[in-house]
Amino acid sequence: MSKTVLIDPPRGWLYGFPKPIPQDCQHRTLDWLVENGYPQKEIDNYGDYFYCRYLQVEEEDVENTSIKSKG
C-alpha cells in the first residue's frame, strides 16, 4: 500500500486542508499552499512562527476522506 503526505497549515480547515501534497512540491511548500487556496496573508501573519503539520497516511485513507468531505 502506498503512503501519501498530508499538509495541515494553521487554521487550514478554513481553506480545505489538510490536503495531500505531491512529493515534487514539498521543497516549495509555501508557494504550493498559496496555489492550493491557502491565503498568503495567513502565512505573513505568522511570520517566523509559521509551521505546518505533516501526516503520512495510507493512500486509501486519503481517498475515503475526500469522498466523505465532498458529500
PDB file of N, CA and C in Angstrom:
ATOM      1  N   MET A   1       0.851  -1.174   0.000  1.00  0.00           N
ATOM      2  CA  MET A   1       0.000   0.000   0.000  1.00  0.00           C
ATOM      3  C   MET A   1       0.896   1.236   0.000  1.00  0.00           C
ATOM      4  N   SER A   2       0.534   2.231  -0.770  1.00  0.00           N
ATOM      5  CA  SER A   2       1.390   3.405  -0.874  1.00  0.00           C
ATOM      6  C   SER A   2       0.987   4.475   0.147  1.00  0.00           C
ATOM      7  N   LYS A   3       1.958   5.273   0.540  1.00  0.00           N
ATOM      8  CA  LYS A   3       1.761   6.322   1.534  1.00  0.00           C
ATOM      9  C   LYS A   3       1.611   7.673   0.844  1.00  0.00           C
ATOM     10  N   THR A   4       0.827   8.551   1.467  1.00  0.00           N
ATOM     11  CA  THR A   4       0.621   9.904   0.990  1.00  0.00           C
ATOM     12  C   THR A   4       0.917  10.851   2.144  1.00  0.00           C
ATOM     13  N   VAL A   5       1.499  12.015   1.835  1.00  0.00           N
ATOM     14  CA  VAL A   5       1.767  13.022   2.852  1.00  0.00           C
ATOM     15  C   VAL A   5       0.691  14.100   2.757  1.00  0.00           C
ATOM     16  N   LEU A   6       0.037  14.351   3.904  1.00  0.00           N
ATOM     17  CA  LEU A   6      -0.939  15.433   4.002  1.00  0.00           C
ATOM     18  C   LEU A   6      -0.271  16.607   4.685  1.00  0.00           C
ATOM     19  N   ILE A   7      -0.602  17.804   4.244  1.00  0.00           N
ATOM     20  CA  ILE A   7      -0.085  19.009   4.879  1.00  0.00           C
ATOM     21  C   ILE A   7      -1.258  19.740   5.528  1.00  0.00           C
ATOM     22  N   ASP A   8      -1.035  20.202   6.754  1.00  0.00           N
ATOM     23  CA  ASP A   8      -2.085  20.857   7.526  1.00  0.00           C
ATOM     24  C   ASP A   8      -1.517  22.142   8.127  1.00  0.00           C
ATOM     25  N   PRO A   9      -1.721  23.285   7.449  1.00  0.00           N
ATOM     26  CA  PRO A   9      -1.222  24.560   7.972  1.00  0.00           C
ATOM     27  C   PRO A   9      -2.142  25.099   9.068  1.00  0.00           C
ATOM     28  N   PRO A  10      -1.701  26.117   9.804  1.00  0.00           N
ATOM     29  CA  PRO A  10      -2.549  26.707  10.840  1.00  0.00           C
ATOM     30  C   PRO A  10      -3.883  27.183  10.265  1.00  0.00           C
ATOM     31  N   ARG A  11      -4.965  26.872  10.961  1.00  0.00           N
ATOM     32  CA  ARG A  11      -6.315  27.230  10.533  1.00  0.00           C
ATOM     33  C   ARG A  11      -6.635  26.716   9.128  1.00  0.00           C
ATOM     34  N   GLY A  12      -5.937  25.667   8.750  1.00  0.00           N
ATOM     35  CA  GLY A  12      -6.101  25.110   7.415  1.00  0.00           C
ATOM     36  C   GLY A  12      -7.499  24.613   7.122  1.00  0.00           C
ATOM     37  N   TRP A  13      -8.221  24.201   8.137  1.00  0.00           N
ATOM     38  CA  TRP A  13      -9.576  23.689   7.945  1.00  0.00           C
ATOM     39  C   TRP A  13     -10.482  24.742   7.289  1.00  0.00           C
ATOM     40  N   LEU A  14     -10.160  26.014   7.475  1.00  0.00           N
ATOM     41  CA  LEU A  14     -10.951  27.076   6.837  1.00  0.00           C
ATOM     42  C   LEU A  14     -10.795  27.090   5.318  1.00  0.00           C
ATOM     43  N   TYR A  15      -9.716  26.501   4.826  1.00  0.00           N
ATOM     44  CA  TYR A  15      -9.377  26.566   3.416  1.00  0.00           C
ATOM     45  C   TYR A  15      -9.290  25.192   2.760  1.00  0.00           C
ATOM     46  N   GLY A  16      -9.884  24.194   3.403  1.00  0.00           N
ATOM     47  CA  GLY A  16      -9.937  22.858   2.814  1.00  0.00           C
ATOM     48  C   GLY A  16      -8.750  21.964   3.102  1.00  0.00           C
ATOM     49  N   PHE A  17      -7.967  22.283   4.098  1.00  0.00           N
ATOM     50  CA  PHE A  17      -6.827  21.470   4.482  1.00  0.00           C
ATOM     51  C   PHE A  17      -7.212  20.625   5.689  1.00  0.00           C
ATOM     52  N   PRO A  18      -6.517  19.517   5.911  1.00  0.00           N
ATOM     53  CA  PRO A  18      -5.301  19.040   5.269  1.00  0.00           C
ATOM     54  C   PRO A  18      -5.563  18.520   3.860  1.00  0.00           C
ATOM     55  N   LYS A  19      -4.543  18.664   3.033  1.00  0.00           N
ATOM     56  CA  LYS A  19      -4.585  18.190   1.648  1.00  0.00           C
ATOM     57  C   LYS A  19      -3.320  17.389   1.360  1.00  0.00           C
ATOM     58  N   PRO A  20      -3.429  16.436   0.436  1.00  0.00           N
ATOM     59  CA  PRO A  20      -2.212  15.718   0.034  1.00  0.00           C
ATOM     60  C   PRO A  20      -1.298  16.656  -0.755  1.00  0.00           C
ATOM     61  N   ILE A  21      -0.033  16.674  -0.401  1.00  0.00           N
ATOM     62  CA  ILE A  21       0.947  17.491  -1.120  1.00  0.00           C
ATOM     63  C   ILE A  21       1.832  16.555  -1.932  1.00  0.00           C
ATOM     64  N   PRO A  22       1.942  16.790  -3.241  1.00  0.00           N
ATOM     65  CA  PRO A  22       2.796  15.937  -4.069  1.00  0.00           C
ATOM     66  C   PRO A  22       4.256  16.000  -3.609  1.00  0.00           C
ATOM     67  N   GLN A  23       4.930  14.900  -3.713  1.00  0.00           N
ATOM     68  CA  GLN A  23       6.324  14.820  -3.268  1.00  0.00           C
ATOM     69  C   GLN A  23       7.200  15.846  -3.977  1.00  0.00           C
ATOM     70  N   ASP A  24       6.945  16.101  -5.259  1.00  0.00           N
ATOM     71  CA  ASP A  24       7.777  17.043  -6.002  1.00  0.00           C
ATOM     72  C   ASP A  24       7.507  18.502  -5.615  1.00  0.00           C
ATOM     73  N   CYS A  25       6.511  18.756  -4.789  1.00  0.00           N
ATOM     74  CA  CYS A  25       6.192  20.120  -4.351  1.00  0.00           C
ATOM     75  C   CYS A  25       6.617  20.383  -2.909  1.00  0.00           C
ATOM     76  N   GLN A  26       7.126  19.376  -2.233  1.00  0.00           N
ATOM     77  CA  GLN A  26       7.456  19.521  -0.821  1.00  0.00           C
ATOM     78  C   GLN A  26       8.638  20.452  -0.586  1.00  0.00           C
ATOM     79  N   HIS A  27       9.419  20.757  -1.597  1.00  0.00           N
ATOM     80  CA  HIS A  27      10.540  21.682  -1.443  1.00  0.00           C
ATOM     81  C   HIS A  27      10.102  23.137  -1.633  1.00  0.00           C
ATOM     82  N   ARG A  28       8.873  23.350  -2.084  1.00  0.00           N
ATOM     83  CA  ARG A  28       8.337  24.707  -2.254  1.00  0.00           C
ATOM     84  C   ARG A  28       6.961  24.806  -1.596  1.00  0.00           C
ATOM     85  N   THR A  29       6.934  24.452  -0.347  1.00  0.00           N
ATOM     86  CA  THR A  29       5.697  24.322   0.411  1.00  0.00           C
ATOM     87  C   THR A  29       4.857  25.595   0.416  1.00  0.00           C
ATOM     88  N   LEU A  30       5.455  26.733   0.703  1.00  0.00           N
ATOM     89  CA  LEU A  30       4.679  27.971   0.818  1.00  0.00           C
ATOM     90  C   LEU A  30       4.010  28.342  -0.498  1.00  0.00           C
ATOM     91  N   ASP A  31       4.737  28.237  -1.585  1.00  0.00           N
ATOM     92  CA  ASP A  31       4.138  28.521  -2.901  1.00  0.00           C
ATOM     93  C   ASP A  31       2.999  27.555  -3.180  1.00  0.00           C
ATOM     94  N   TRP A  32       3.213  26.282  -2.882  1.00  0.00           N
ATOM     95  CA  TRP A  32       2.183  25.274  -3.137  1.00  0.00           C
ATOM     96  C   TRP A  32       0.932  25.544  -2.318  1.00  0.00           C
ATOM     97  N   LEU A  33       1.094  25.936  -1.060  1.00  0.00           N
ATOM     98  CA  LEU A  33      -0.056  26.245  -0.216  1.00  0.00           C
ATOM     99  C   LEU A  33      -0.906  27.354  -0.825  1.00  0.00           C
ATOM    100  N   VAL A  34      -0.263  28.426  -1.259  1.00  0.00           N
ATOM    101  CA  VAL A  34      -0.981  29.557  -1.848  1.00  0.00           C
ATOM    102  C   VAL A  34      -1.661  29.135  -3.150  1.00  0.00           C
ATOM    103  N   GLU A  35      -0.974  28.369  -3.969  1.00  0.00           N
ATOM    104  CA  GLU A  35      -1.561  27.880  -5.220  1.00  0.00           C
ATOM    105  C   GLU A  35      -2.778  26.994  -4.969  1.00  0.00           C
ATOM    106  N   ASN A  36      -2.867  26.414  -3.786  1.00  0.00           N
ATOM    107  CA  ASN A  36      -3.947  25.486  -3.465  1.00  0.00           C
ATOM    108  C   ASN A  36      -4.959  26.062  -2.481  1.00  0.00           C
ATOM    109  N   GLY A  37      -5.036  27.383  -2.425  1.00  0.00           N
ATOM    110  CA  GLY A  37      -6.114  28.031  -1.703  1.00  0.00           C
ATOM    111  C   GLY A  37      -5.818  28.563  -0.319  1.00  0.00           C
ATOM    112  N   TYR A  38      -4.591  28.429   0.156  1.00  0.00           N
ATOM    113  CA  TYR A  38      -4.249  28.971   1.466  1.00  0.00           C
ATOM    114  C   TYR A  38      -3.792  30.414   1.290  1.00  0.00           C
ATOM    115  N   PRO A  39      -4.376  31.360   2.019  1.00  0.00           N
ATOM    116  CA  PRO A  39      -4.056  32.772   1.806  1.00  0.00           C
ATOM    117  C   PRO A  39      -2.632  33.158   2.222  1.00  0.00           C
ATOM    118  N   GLN A  40      -1.976  33.913   1.369  1.00  0.00           N
ATOM    119  CA  GLN A  40      -0.642  34.432   1.678  1.00  0.00           C
ATOM    120  C   GLN A  40      -0.683  35.248   2.964  1.00  0.00           C
ATOM    121  N   LYS A  41      -1.790  35.943   3.195  1.00  0.00           N
ATOM    122  CA  LYS A  41      -1.934  36.772   4.395  1.00  0.00           C
ATOM    123  C   LYS A  41      -1.805  35.943   5.672  1.00  0.00           C
ATOM    124  N   GLU A  42      -2.340  34.716   5.654  1.00  0.00           N
ATOM    125  CA  GLU A  42      -2.202  33.830   6.826  1.00  0.00           C
ATOM    126  C   GLU A  42      -0.723  33.523   7.075  1.00  0.00           C
ATOM    127  N   ILE A  43       0.009  33.219   6.017  1.00  0.00           N
ATOM    128  CA  ILE A  43       1.443  32.918   6.139  1.00  0.00           C
ATOM    129  C   ILE A  43       2.181  34.131   6.696  1.00  0.00           C
ATOM    130  N   ASP A  44       1.885  35.299   6.138  1.00  0.00           N
ATOM    131  CA  ASP A  44       2.547  36.533   6.571  1.00  0.00           C
ATOM    132  C   ASP A  44       2.238  36.864   8.025  1.00  0.00           C
ATOM    133  N   ASN A  45       1.006  36.633   8.466  1.00  0.00           N
ATOM    134  CA  ASN A  45       0.617  36.944   9.847  1.00  0.00           C
ATOM    135  C   ASN A  45       1.418  36.136  10.863  1.00  0.00           C
ATOM    136  N   TYR A  46       1.775  34.907  10.517  1.00  0.00           N
ATOM    137  CA  TYR A  46       2.550  34.067  11.438  1.00  0.00           C
ATOM    138  C   TYR A  46       4.040  34.389  11.410  1.00  0.00           C
ATOM    139  N   GLY A  47       4.509  34.994  10.336  1.00  0.00           N
ATOM    140  CA  GLY A  47       5.920  35.373  10.231  1.00  0.00           C
ATOM    141  C   GLY A  47       6.844  34.184  10.455  1.00  0.00           C
ATOM    142  N   ASP A  48       7.809  34.377  11.329  1.00  0.00           N
ATOM    143  CA  ASP A  48       8.787  33.321  11.628  1.00  0.00           C
ATOM    144  C   ASP A  48       8.175  32.135  12.369  1.00  0.00           C
ATOM    145  N   TYR A  49       6.948  32.283  12.840  1.00  0.00           N
ATOM    146  CA  TYR A  49       6.304  31.227  13.609  1.00  0.00           C
ATOM    147  C   TYR A  49       5.330  30.401  12.773  1.00  0.00           C
ATOM    148  N   PHE A  50       5.381  30.561  11.454  1.00  0.00           N
ATOM    149  CA  PHE A  50       4.522  29.757  10.586  1.00  0.00           C
ATOM    150  C   PHE A  50       5.040  28.326  10.566  1.00  0.00           C
ATOM    151  N   TYR A  51       4.137  27.397  10.722  1.00  0.00           N
ATOM    152  CA  TYR A  51       4.502  25.982  10.707  1.00  0.00           C
ATOM    153  C   TYR A  51       3.380  25.197  10.046  1.00  0.00           C
ATOM    154  N   CYS A  52       3.672  24.007   9.629  1.00  0.00           N
ATOM    155  CA  CYS A  52       2.666  23.092   9.087  1.00  0.00           C
ATOM    156  C   CYS A  52       2.850  21.744   9.763  1.00  0.00           C
ATOM    157  N   ARG A  53       1.739  21.078   9.920  1.00  0.00           N
ATOM    158  CA  ARG A  53       1.780  19.702  10.429  1.00  0.00           C
ATOM    159  C   ARG A  53       1.756  18.792   9.208  1.00  0.00           C
ATOM    160  N   TYR A  54       2.554  17.754   9.227  1.00  0.00           N
ATOM    161  CA  TYR A  54       2.600  16.781   8.135  1.00  0.00           C
ATOM    162  C   TYR A  54       2.157  15.428   8.673  1.00  0.00           C
ATOM    163  N   LEU A  55       1.290  14.782   7.925  1.00  0.00           N
ATOM    164  CA  LEU A  55       0.778  13.471   8.314  1.00  0.00           C
ATOM    165  C   LEU A  55       1.030  12.500   7.173  1.00  0.00           C
ATOM    166  N   GLN A  56       1.570  11.358   7.486  1.00  0.00           N
ATOM    167  CA  GLN A  56       1.757  10.328   6.476  1.00  0.00           C
ATOM    168  C   GLN A  56       0.665   9.279   6.676  1.00  0.00           C
ATOM    169  N   VAL A  57      -0.143   9.084   5.638  1.00  0.00           N
ATOM    170  CA  VAL A  57      -1.288   8.178   5.733  1.00  0.00           C
ATOM    171  C   VAL A  57      -1.300   7.236   4.532  1.00  0.00           C
ATOM    172  N   GLU A  58      -2.054   6.164   4.690  1.00  0.00           N
ATOM    173  CA  GLU A  58      -2.248   5.240   3.574  1.00  0.00           C
ATOM    174  C   GLU A  58      -3.069   5.952   2.501  1.00  0.00           C
ATOM    175  N   GLU A  59      -2.736   5.743   1.247  1.00  0.00           N
ATOM    176  CA  GLU A  59      -3.431   6.400   0.151  1.00  0.00           C
ATOM    177  C   GLU A  59      -4.936   6.120   0.200  1.00  0.00           C
ATOM    178  N   GLU A  60      -5.313   4.931   0.593  1.00  0.00           N
ATOM    179  CA  GLU A  60      -6.727   4.557   0.689  1.00  0.00           C
ATOM    180  C   GLU A  60      -7.465   5.460   1.680  1.00  0.00           C
ATOM    181  N   ASP A  61      -6.807   5.828   2.785  1.00  0.00           N
ATOM    182  CA  ASP A  61      -7.418   6.703   3.782  1.00  0.00           C
ATOM    183  C   ASP A  61      -7.681   8.090   3.212  1.00  0.00           C
ATOM    184  N   VAL A  62      -6.795   8.590   2.360  1.00  0.00           N
ATOM    185  CA  VAL A  62      -6.970   9.901   1.727  1.00  0.00           C
ATOM    186  C   VAL A  62      -8.182   9.868   0.818  1.00  0.00           C
ATOM    187  N   GLU A  63      -8.326   8.818   0.027  1.00  0.00           N
ATOM    188  CA  GLU A  63      -9.460   8.704  -0.883  1.00  0.00           C
ATOM    189  C   GLU A  63     -10.768   8.642  -0.114  1.00  0.00           C
ATOM    190  N   ASN A  64     -10.820   7.902   0.969  1.00  0.00           N
ATOM    191  CA  ASN A  64     -12.033   7.808   1.786  1.00  0.00           C
ATOM    192  C   ASN A  64     -12.383   9.148   2.424  1.00  0.00           C
ATOM    193  N   THR A  65     -11.391   9.878   2.888  1.00  0.00           N
ATOM    194  CA  THR A  65     -11.621  11.187   3.493  1.00  0.00           C
ATOM    195  C   THR A  65     -12.133  12.177   2.463  1.00  0.00           C
ATOM    196  N   SER A  66     -11.579  12.153   1.253  1.00  0.00           N
ATOM    197  CA  SER A  66     -12.017  13.062   0.192  1.00  0.00           C
ATOM    198  C   SER A  66     -13.468  12.828  -0.166  1.00  0.00           C
ATOM    199  N   ILE A  67     -13.864  11.588  -0.229  1.00  0.00           N
ATOM    200  CA  ILE A  67     -15.248  11.252  -0.578  1.00  0.00           C
ATOM    201  C   ILE A  67     -16.188  11.766   0.513  1.00  0.00           C
ATOM    202  N   LYS A  68     -15.827  11.562   1.772  1.00  0.00           N
ATOM    203  CA  LYS A  68     -16.671  11.989   2.876  1.00  0.00           C
ATOM    204  C   LYS A  68     -16.798  13.503   2.922  1.00  0.00           C
ATOM    205  N   SER A  69     -15.699  14.223   2.666  1.00  0.00           N
ATOM    206  CA  SER A  69     -15.737  15.673   2.806  1.00  0.00           C
ATOM    207  C   SER A  69     -16.479  16.349   1.656  1.00  0.00           C
ATOM    208  N   LYS A  70     -16.648  15.674   0.527  1.00  0.00           N
ATOM    209  CA  LYS A  70     -17.363  16.258  -0.608  1.00  0.00           C
ATOM    210  C   LYS A  70     -18.874  16.145  -0.441  1.00  0.00           C
ATOM    211  N   GLY A  71     -19.327  15.156   0.316  1.00  0.00           N
ATOM    212  CA  GLY A  71     -20.717  14.835   0.335  1.00  0.00           C
ATOM    213  C   GLY A  71     -21.510  15.390   1.419  1.00  0.00           C
TER     214      GLY A  71
END
